Structures are given as C-alpha cells and as structure tokens.
PDB file of N, CA and C in Angstrom:
ATOM      1  N   MET A   1      15.955  15.358 -10.440  1.00  0.00           N
ATOM      2  CA  MET A   1      15.434  14.193 -11.236  1.00  0.00           C
ATOM      3  C   MET A   1      13.869  14.496 -11.445  1.00  0.00           C
ATOM      4  N   ARG A   2      13.503  13.960 -12.314  1.00  0.00           N
ATOM      5  CA  ARG A   2      11.864  14.355 -12.874  1.00  0.00           C
ATOM      6  C   ARG A   2      11.389  13.050 -13.284  1.00  0.00           C
ATOM      7  N   SER A   3       9.954  13.088 -13.016  1.00  0.00           N
ATOM      8  CA  SER A   3       9.168  11.866 -13.239  1.00  0.00           C
ATOM      9  C   SER A   3       8.624  11.784 -14.571  1.00  0.00           C
ATOM     10  N   ARG A   4       8.003  10.812 -14.819  1.00  0.00           N
ATOM     11  CA  ARG A   4       7.538  10.954 -16.352  1.00  0.00           C
ATOM     12  C   ARG A   4       6.494  11.879 -16.542  1.00  0.00           C
ATOM     13  N   ARG A   5       5.803  12.547 -15.683  1.00  0.00           N
ATOM     14  CA  ARG A   5       4.701  13.439 -16.050  1.00  0.00           C
ATOM     15  C   ARG A   5       5.725  14.928 -16.009  1.00  0.00           C
ATOM     16  N   GLY A   6       6.914  14.847 -15.957  1.00  0.00           N
ATOM     17  CA  GLY A   6       7.827  16.128 -15.922  1.00  0.00           C
ATOM     18  C   GLY A   6       7.771  16.591 -14.694  1.00  0.00           C
ATOM     19  N   ARG A   7       7.110  16.434 -13.593  1.00  0.00           N
ATOM     20  CA  ARG A   7       6.949  16.854 -12.088  1.00  0.00           C
ATOM     21  C   ARG A   7       8.325  16.318 -11.457  1.00  0.00           C
ATOM     22  N   PRO A   8       8.936  17.471 -10.584  1.00  0.00           N
ATOM     23  CA  PRO A   8      10.066  16.911  -9.810  1.00  0.00           C
ATOM     24  C   PRO A   8       9.653  15.731  -8.881  1.00  0.00           C
ATOM     25  N   ASP A   9      10.585  14.790  -8.885  1.00  0.00           N
ATOM     26  CA  ASP A   9      10.356  13.506  -8.114  1.00  0.00           C
ATOM     27  C   ASP A   9      10.666  14.114  -6.654  1.00  0.00           C
ATOM     28  N   PRO A  10       9.653  13.506  -5.640  1.00  0.00           N
ATOM     29  CA  PRO A  10       9.813  13.772  -4.362  1.00  0.00           C
ATOM     30  C   PRO A  10      10.892  13.128  -3.867  1.00  0.00           C
ATOM     31  N   PRO A  11      11.679  13.635  -2.441  1.00  0.00           N
ATOM     32  CA  PRO A  11      12.657  13.071  -2.016  1.00  0.00           C
ATOM     33  C   PRO A  11      12.183  11.785  -1.172  1.00  0.00           C
ATOM     34  N   PRO A  12      13.299  10.855  -1.457  1.00  0.00           N
ATOM     35  CA  PRO A  12      12.895   9.442  -0.793  1.00  0.00           C
ATOM     36  C   PRO A  12      12.525   9.552   0.684  1.00  0.00           C
ATOM     37  N   ARG A  13      12.800  10.612   1.513  1.00  0.00           N
ATOM     38  CA  ARG A  13      12.192  10.468   2.748  1.00  0.00           C
ATOM     39  C   ARG A  13      10.782  10.780   2.766  1.00  0.00           C
ATOM     40  N   THR A  14      10.225  11.494   1.686  1.00  0.00           N
ATOM     41  CA  THR A  14       8.669  12.012   1.664  1.00  0.00           C
ATOM     42  C   THR A  14       7.965  10.526   0.909  1.00  0.00           C
ATOM     43  N   VAL A  15       8.797   9.799   0.043  1.00  0.00           N
ATOM     44  CA  VAL A  15       8.045   8.599  -0.304  1.00  0.00           C
ATOM     45  C   VAL A  15       8.171   7.660   0.732  1.00  0.00           C
ATOM     46  N   TRP A  16       8.955   7.674   1.395  1.00  0.00           N
ATOM     47  CA  TRP A  16       9.081   6.408   2.614  1.00  0.00           C
ATOM     48  C   TRP A  16       7.970   6.586   3.633  1.00  0.00           C
ATOM     49  N   LYS A  17       7.877   7.978   3.982  1.00  0.00           N
ATOM     50  CA  LYS A  17       6.779   8.394   4.804  1.00  0.00           C
ATOM     51  C   LYS A  17       5.347   7.919   4.358  1.00  0.00           C
ATOM     52  N   LEU A  18       5.088   8.247   3.133  1.00  0.00           N
ATOM     53  CA  LEU A  18       3.793   7.890   2.625  1.00  0.00           C
ATOM     54  C   LEU A  18       3.766   6.254   2.394  1.00  0.00           C
ATOM     55  N   GLN A  19       4.630   5.602   2.159  1.00  0.00           N
ATOM     56  CA  GLN A  19       4.521   4.220   1.982  1.00  0.00           C
ATOM     57  C   GLN A  19       4.612   3.638   3.414  1.00  0.00           C
ATOM     58  N   ALA A  20       5.223   4.050   4.227  1.00  0.00           N
ATOM     59  CA  ALA A  20       5.266   3.397   5.522  1.00  0.00           C
ATOM     60  C   ALA A  20       3.891   3.729   6.457  1.00  0.00           C
ATOM     61  N   ASP A  21       3.168   4.482   6.105  1.00  0.00           N
ATOM     62  CA  ASP A  21       1.828   4.640   6.640  1.00  0.00           C
ATOM     63  C   ASP A  21       0.819   3.814   6.157  1.00  0.00           C
ATOM     64  N   VAL A  22       0.837   2.568   6.543  1.00  0.00           N
ATOM     65  CA  VAL A  22       0.127   1.698   6.287  1.00  0.00           C
ATOM     66  C   VAL A  22      -1.568   1.921   6.256  1.00  0.00           C
ATOM     67  N   GLU A  23      -1.705   2.313   7.599  1.00  0.00           N
ATOM     68  CA  GLU A  23      -3.030   2.618   7.985  1.00  0.00           C
ATOM     69  C   GLU A  23      -3.727   3.502   7.024  1.00  0.00           C
ATOM     70  N   ARG A  24      -3.185   4.370   6.721  1.00  0.00           N
ATOM     71  CA  ARG A  24      -3.688   5.437   5.894  1.00  0.00           C
ATOM     72  C   ARG A  24      -3.991   5.137   4.349  1.00  0.00           C
ATOM     73  N   ARG A  25      -3.506   3.903   4.096  1.00  0.00           N
ATOM     74  CA  ARG A  25      -3.276   3.692   2.623  1.00  0.00           C
ATOM     75  C   ARG A  25      -5.036   3.637   1.839  1.00  0.00           C
ATOM     76  N   PRO A  26      -5.843   3.411   2.661  1.00  0.00           N
ATOM     77  CA  PRO A  26      -7.269   3.652   1.772  1.00  0.00           C
ATOM     78  C   PRO A  26      -7.478   4.787   1.702  1.00  0.00           C
ATOM     79  N   VAL A  27      -7.006   5.865   2.361  1.00  0.00           N
ATOM     80  CA  VAL A  27      -7.353   7.326   2.060  1.00  0.00           C
ATOM     81  C   VAL A  27      -6.453   7.792   0.722  1.00  0.00           C
ATOM     82  N   ARG A  28      -5.143   7.389   0.620  1.00  0.00           N
ATOM     83  CA  ARG A  28      -4.350   7.779  -0.508  1.00  0.00           C
ATOM     84  C   ARG A  28      -4.625   6.883  -1.673  1.00  0.00           C
ATOM     85  N   GLN A  29      -5.083   5.721  -1.708  1.00  0.00           N
ATOM     86  CA  GLN A  29      -5.680   4.720  -2.848  1.00  0.00           C
ATOM     87  C   GLN A  29      -6.899   4.111  -2.634  1.00  0.00           C
ATOM     88  N   PRO A  30      -7.772   5.106  -3.273  1.00  0.00           N
ATOM     89  CA  PRO A  30      -9.159   4.471  -2.920  1.00  0.00           C
ATOM     90  C   PRO A  30      -9.676   2.907  -3.460  1.00  0.00           C
ATOM     91  N   PRO A  31      -8.825   2.324  -4.343  1.00  0.00           N
ATOM     92  CA  PRO A  31      -9.004   1.067  -4.555  1.00  0.00           C
ATOM     93  C   PRO A  31      -9.062   0.122  -3.098  1.00  0.00           C
ATOM     94  N   VAL A  32      -8.216   0.514  -2.181  1.00  0.00           N
ATOM     95  CA  VAL A  32      -7.810  -0.097  -0.942  1.00  0.00           C
ATOM     96  C   VAL A  32      -9.041   0.054   0.029  1.00  0.00           C
ATOM     97  N   VAL A  33      -9.688  -1.085   0.373  1.00  0.00           N
ATOM     98  CA  VAL A  33     -11.021  -0.800   1.361  1.00  0.00           C
ATOM     99  C   VAL A  33     -10.400  -0.702   2.684  1.00  0.00           C
ATOM    100  N   THR A  34      -9.682  -1.956   3.064  1.00  0.00           N
ATOM    101  CA  THR A  34      -8.872  -1.837   4.555  1.00  0.00           C
ATOM    102  C   THR A  34      -7.408  -1.988   4.434  1.00  0.00           C
ATOM    103  N   ALA A  35      -6.879  -1.472   5.341  1.00  0.00           N
ATOM    104  CA  ALA A  35      -5.378  -1.764   5.752  1.00  0.00           C
ATOM    105  C   ALA A  35      -5.022  -1.816   7.043  1.00  0.00           C
ATOM    106  N   GLU A  36      -4.037  -2.575   7.358  1.00  0.00           N
ATOM    107  CA  GLU A  36      -3.730  -2.980   8.652  1.00  0.00           C
ATOM    108  C   GLU A  36      -2.365  -3.306   9.178  1.00  0.00           C
ATOM    109  N   ARG A  37      -1.672  -3.007   9.962  1.00  0.00           N
ATOM    110  CA  ARG A  37      -0.442  -3.491  10.190  1.00  0.00           C
ATOM    111  C   ARG A  37      -0.523  -4.945  11.089  1.00  0.00           C
ATOM    112  N   LEU A  38       0.394  -5.885  10.890  1.00  0.00           N
ATOM    113  CA  LEU A  38       0.382  -6.856  11.512  1.00  0.00           C
ATOM    114  C   LEU A  38       1.235  -7.199  12.751  1.00  0.00           C
ATOM    115  N   ASP A  39       2.235  -6.316  12.610  1.00  0.00           N
ATOM    116  CA  ASP A  39       3.177  -6.458  13.827  1.00  0.00           C
ATOM    117  C   ASP A  39       2.881  -5.037  14.912  1.00  0.00           C
ATOM    118  N   PRO A  40       3.220  -5.288  16.061  1.00  0.00           N
ATOM    119  CA  PRO A  40       3.204  -4.337  17.275  1.00  0.00           C
ATOM    120  C   PRO A  40       4.535  -3.552  16.915  1.00  0.00           C
ATOM    121  N   GLY A  41       4.568  -2.298  17.754  1.00  0.00           N
ATOM    122  CA  GLY A  41       5.857  -1.649  17.652  1.00  0.00           C
ATOM    123  C   GLY A  41       5.991  -0.619  16.464  1.00  0.00           C
ATOM    124  N   ARG A  42       7.369  -0.238  16.509  1.00  0.00           N
ATOM    125  CA  ARG A  42       7.720   0.857  15.494  1.00  0.00           C
ATOM    126  C   ARG A  42       7.778   0.065  14.079  1.00  0.00           C
ATOM    127  N   LEU A  43       7.142   0.785  13.011  1.00  0.00           N
ATOM    128  CA  LEU A  43       7.413   0.292  11.797  1.00  0.00           C
ATOM    129  C   LEU A  43       8.893   0.243  11.458  1.00  0.00           C
ATOM    130  N   ALA A  44       9.314  -1.032  11.016  1.00  0.00           N
ATOM    131  CA  ALA A  44      10.667  -1.186  10.363  1.00  0.00           C
ATOM    132  C   ALA A  44      10.979  -2.057   8.875  1.00  0.00           C
ATOM    133  N   LYS A  45      12.031  -2.299   8.610  1.00  0.00           N
ATOM    134  CA  LYS A  45      12.194  -3.214   7.620  1.00  0.00           C
ATOM    135  C   LYS A  45      11.752  -4.461   8.037  1.00  0.00           C
ATOM    136  N   GLY A  46      10.978  -5.073   7.297  1.00  0.00           N
ATOM    137  CA  GLY A  46      10.318  -6.301   7.471  1.00  0.00           C
ATOM    138  C   GLY A  46       8.941  -6.624   8.129  1.00  0.00           C
ATOM    139  N   ALA A  47       8.452  -5.222   8.628  1.00  0.00           N
ATOM    140  CA  ALA A  47       7.244  -5.449   9.353  1.00  0.00           C
ATOM    141  C   ALA A  47       6.053  -5.736   8.349  1.00  0.00           C
ATOM    142  N   ARG A  48       5.152  -6.425   8.867  1.00  0.00           N
ATOM    143  CA  ARG A  48       4.083  -7.055   7.937  1.00  0.00           C
ATOM    144  C   ARG A  48       2.921  -6.108   7.714  1.00  0.00           C
ATOM    145  N   PHE A  49       2.127  -6.198   6.768  1.00  0.00           N
ATOM    146  CA  PHE A  49       0.868  -5.410   6.879  1.00  0.00           C
ATOM    147  C   PHE A  49      -0.227  -6.259   6.003  1.00  0.00           C
ATOM    148  N   ARG A  50      -1.268  -5.842   6.045  1.00  0.00           N
ATOM    149  CA  ARG A  50      -2.497  -6.799   5.052  1.00  0.00           C
ATOM    150  C   ARG A  50      -3.422  -5.609   4.523  1.00  0.00           C
ATOM    151  N   TRP A  51      -3.738  -5.858   3.440  1.00  0.00           N
ATOM    152  CA  TRP A  51      -4.828  -4.661   2.783  1.00  0.00           C
ATOM    153  C   TRP A  51      -5.592  -5.596   1.944  1.00  0.00           C
ATOM    154  N   ALA A  52      -6.863  -5.095   1.688  1.00  0.00           N
ATOM    155  CA  ALA A  52      -7.928  -5.782   0.908  1.00  0.00           C
ATOM    156  C   ALA A  52      -8.451  -4.590  -0.221  1.00  0.00           C
ATOM    157  N   THR A  53      -8.496  -5.086  -1.435  1.00  0.00           N
ATOM    158  CA  THR A  53      -8.973  -4.278  -2.660  1.00  0.00           C
ATOM    159  C   THR A  53     -10.355  -5.122  -3.233  1.00  0.00           C
ATOM    160  N   PRO A  54     -11.403  -4.553  -3.614  1.00  0.00           N
ATOM    161  CA  PRO A  54     -12.378  -5.278  -4.428  1.00  0.00           C
ATOM    162  C   PRO A  54     -11.640  -6.003  -5.603  1.00  0.00           C
ATOM    163  N   ALA A  55     -12.109  -7.426  -5.667  1.00  0.00           N
ATOM    164  CA  ALA A  55     -11.371  -8.407  -6.824  1.00  0.00           C
ATOM    165  C   ALA A  55     -12.352  -7.817  -8.006  1.00  0.00           C
ATOM    166  N   PRO A  56     -11.598  -7.796  -9.174  1.00  0.00           N
ATOM    167  CA  PRO A  56     -12.352  -7.749 -10.361  1.00  0.00           C
ATOM    168  C   PRO A  56     -13.180  -9.204 -10.752  1.00  0.00           C
ATOM    169  N   ALA A  57     -14.189  -8.814 -11.419  1.00  0.00           N
ATOM    170  CA  ALA A  57     -15.114  -9.975 -12.185  1.00  0.00           C
ATOM    171  C   ALA A  57     -14.234 -11.053 -13.032  1.00  0.00           C
ATOM    172  N   THR A  58     -14.293 -12.167 -13.140  1.00  0.00           N
ATOM    173  CA  THR A  58     -13.642 -12.987 -13.924  1.00  0.00           C
ATOM    174  C   THR A  58     -14.737 -13.926 -14.697  1.00  0.00           C
ATOM    175  N   PRO A  59     -14.501 -14.734 -15.590  1.00  0.00           N
ATOM    176  CA  PRO A  59     -15.414 -15.306 -16.206  1.00  0.00           C
ATOM    177  C   PRO A  59     -16.103 -16.487 -15.390  1.00  0.00           C
ATOM    178  N   THR A  60     -15.566 -16.632 -13.976  1.00  0.00           N
ATOM    179  CA  THR A  60     -16.227 -17.766 -13.450  1.00  0.00           C
ATOM    180  C   THR A  60     -16.702 -17.078 -12.059  1.00  0.00           C
ATOM    181  N   THR A  61     -16.288 -15.680 -11.775  1.00  0.00           N
ATOM    182  CA  THR A  61     -17.031 -15.083 -10.403  1.00  0.00           C
ATOM    183  C   THR A  61     -17.278 -13.903 -10.759  1.00  0.00           C
ATOM    184  N   VAL A  62     -18.062 -13.400  -9.873  1.00  0.00           N
ATOM    185  CA  VAL A  62     -18.664 -11.881  -9.774  1.00  0.00           C
ATOM    186  C   VAL A  62     -17.644 -11.062  -9.317  1.00  0.00           C
ATOM    187  N   GLY A  63     -17.740  -9.688  -9.490  1.00  0.00           N
ATOM    188  CA  GLY A  63     -16.459  -8.923  -8.912  1.00  0.00           C
ATOM    189  C   GLY A  63     -16.863  -8.146  -7.631  1.00  0.00           C
ATOM    190  N   ALA A  64     -17.841  -9.091  -6.679  1.00  0.00           N
ATOM    191  CA  ALA A  64     -17.968  -8.604  -5.589  1.00  0.00           C
ATOM    192  C   ALA A  64     -16.973  -8.967  -4.169  1.00  0.00           C
ATOM    193  N   GLY A  65     -16.216  -9.648  -4.601  1.00  0.00           N
ATOM    194  CA  GLY A  65     -15.144 -10.174  -3.399  1.00  0.00           C
ATOM    195  C   GLY A  65     -14.157  -9.400  -3.222  1.00  0.00           C
ATOM    196  N   LEU A  66     -13.320  -9.925  -2.432  1.00  0.00           N
ATOM    197  CA  LEU A  66     -12.198  -9.094  -1.753  1.00  0.00           C
ATOM    198  C   LEU A  66     -10.803  -9.745  -2.088  1.00  0.00           C
ATOM    199  N   ARG A  67      -9.872  -9.111  -2.562  1.00  0.00           N
ATOM    200  CA  ARG A  67      -8.400  -9.788  -2.826  1.00  0.00           C
ATOM    201  C   ARG A  67      -7.786  -9.162  -1.536  1.00  0.00           C
ATOM    202  N   ILE A  68      -7.162 -10.091  -0.666  1.00  0.00           N
ATOM    203  CA  ILE A  68      -6.194  -9.767   0.435  1.00  0.00           C
ATOM    204  C   ILE A  68      -4.664  -9.940  -0.157  1.00  0.00           C
ATOM    205  N   ALA A  69      -4.090  -8.712   0.348  1.00  0.00           N
ATOM    206  CA  ALA A  69      -2.638  -9.158  -0.149  1.00  0.00           C
ATOM    207  C   ALA A  69      -1.975  -8.820   1.146  1.00  0.00           C
ATOM    208  N   GLU A  70      -0.943  -9.523   1.267  1.00  0.00           N
ATOM    209  CA  GLU A  70      -0.009  -9.371   2.477  1.00  0.00           C
ATOM    210  C   GLU A  70       1.441  -8.991   2.013  1.00  0.00           C
ATOM    211  N   GLY A  71       1.938  -8.086   2.793  1.00  0.00           N
ATOM    212  CA  GLY A  71       3.439  -7.885   2.402  1.00  0.00           C
ATOM    213  C   GLY A  71       4.368  -7.541   3.670  1.00  0.00           C
ATOM    214  N   ARG A  72       5.575  -6.963   2.968  1.00  0.00           N
ATOM    215  CA  ARG A  72       6.428  -6.611   4.189  1.00  0.00           C
ATOM    216  C   ARG A  72       6.931  -5.206   3.722  1.00  0.00           C
ATOM    217  N   VAL A  73       7.244  -4.370   4.815  1.00  0.00           N
ATOM    218  CA  VAL A  73       7.606  -3.216   4.604  1.00  0.00           C
ATOM    219  C   VAL A  73       9.218  -3.012   3.911  1.00  0.00           C
ATOM    220  N   PRO A  74       9.441  -2.502   2.974  1.00  0.00           N
ATOM    221  CA  PRO A  74      10.828  -2.519   2.428  1.00  0.00           C
ATOM    222  C   PRO A  74      11.883  -1.707   3.321  1.00  0.00           C
ATOM    223  N   ALA A  75      13.111  -1.936   3.049  1.00  0.00           N
ATOM    224  CA  ALA A  75      14.118  -1.266   3.539  1.00  0.00           C
ATOM    225  C   ALA A  75      14.123   0.179   3.325  1.00  0.00           C
ATOM    226  N   ARG A  76      14.383   1.073   4.494  1.00  0.00           N
ATOM    227  CA  ARG A  76      14.363   2.413   4.327  1.00  0.00           C
ATOM    228  C   ARG A  76      15.264   2.989   3.470  1.00  0.00           C
ATOM    229  N   PRO A  77      14.907   4.072   2.670  1.00  0.00           N
ATOM    230  CA  PRO A  77      16.016   4.675   1.719  1.00  0.00           C
ATOM    231  C   PRO A  77      17.223   5.300   2.608  1.00  0.00           C
TER     232      PRO A  77
END
C-alpha cells in the first residue's frame, strides 16, 4: 500500500512503536511542548497520557497559553 505522497506505508508495528512512545512525542512533533504518561507499568490499550502544545491566538486571547490534551492509547494493531 502507498501513502498519498507515493511512499510505501510503514508496517503497522512501526506505526504502533512510534505512537506508543508518548515521552518522545515532543521530539517527533515539535509543536508538542511536553508529554507524559499518566499510568505506571507497561504501556497497553487504555493507558493514559497528557501533552501540551502552544494554543493559537484567538480574538479574545493571546497565543502564549498552552493547550493540554489528554488521551488514551489505542488498541495495538
């Protein structure tokens, strides 16, 4: 299978390893300022994490704040 850019799609295992490495998200996605896991132990389906990114300016705020997002790790392919 090929991506929209014409490159071969990486194997699901490779994608999982990148997505599951929550702590390194700021390295892979420069807009992410901080990232942390919220659960101890082995990363598994349903594990929680939190990351922060700069919030864009809006008509009522300046763009200096942070947007905090929380999520759960999806099921492994």
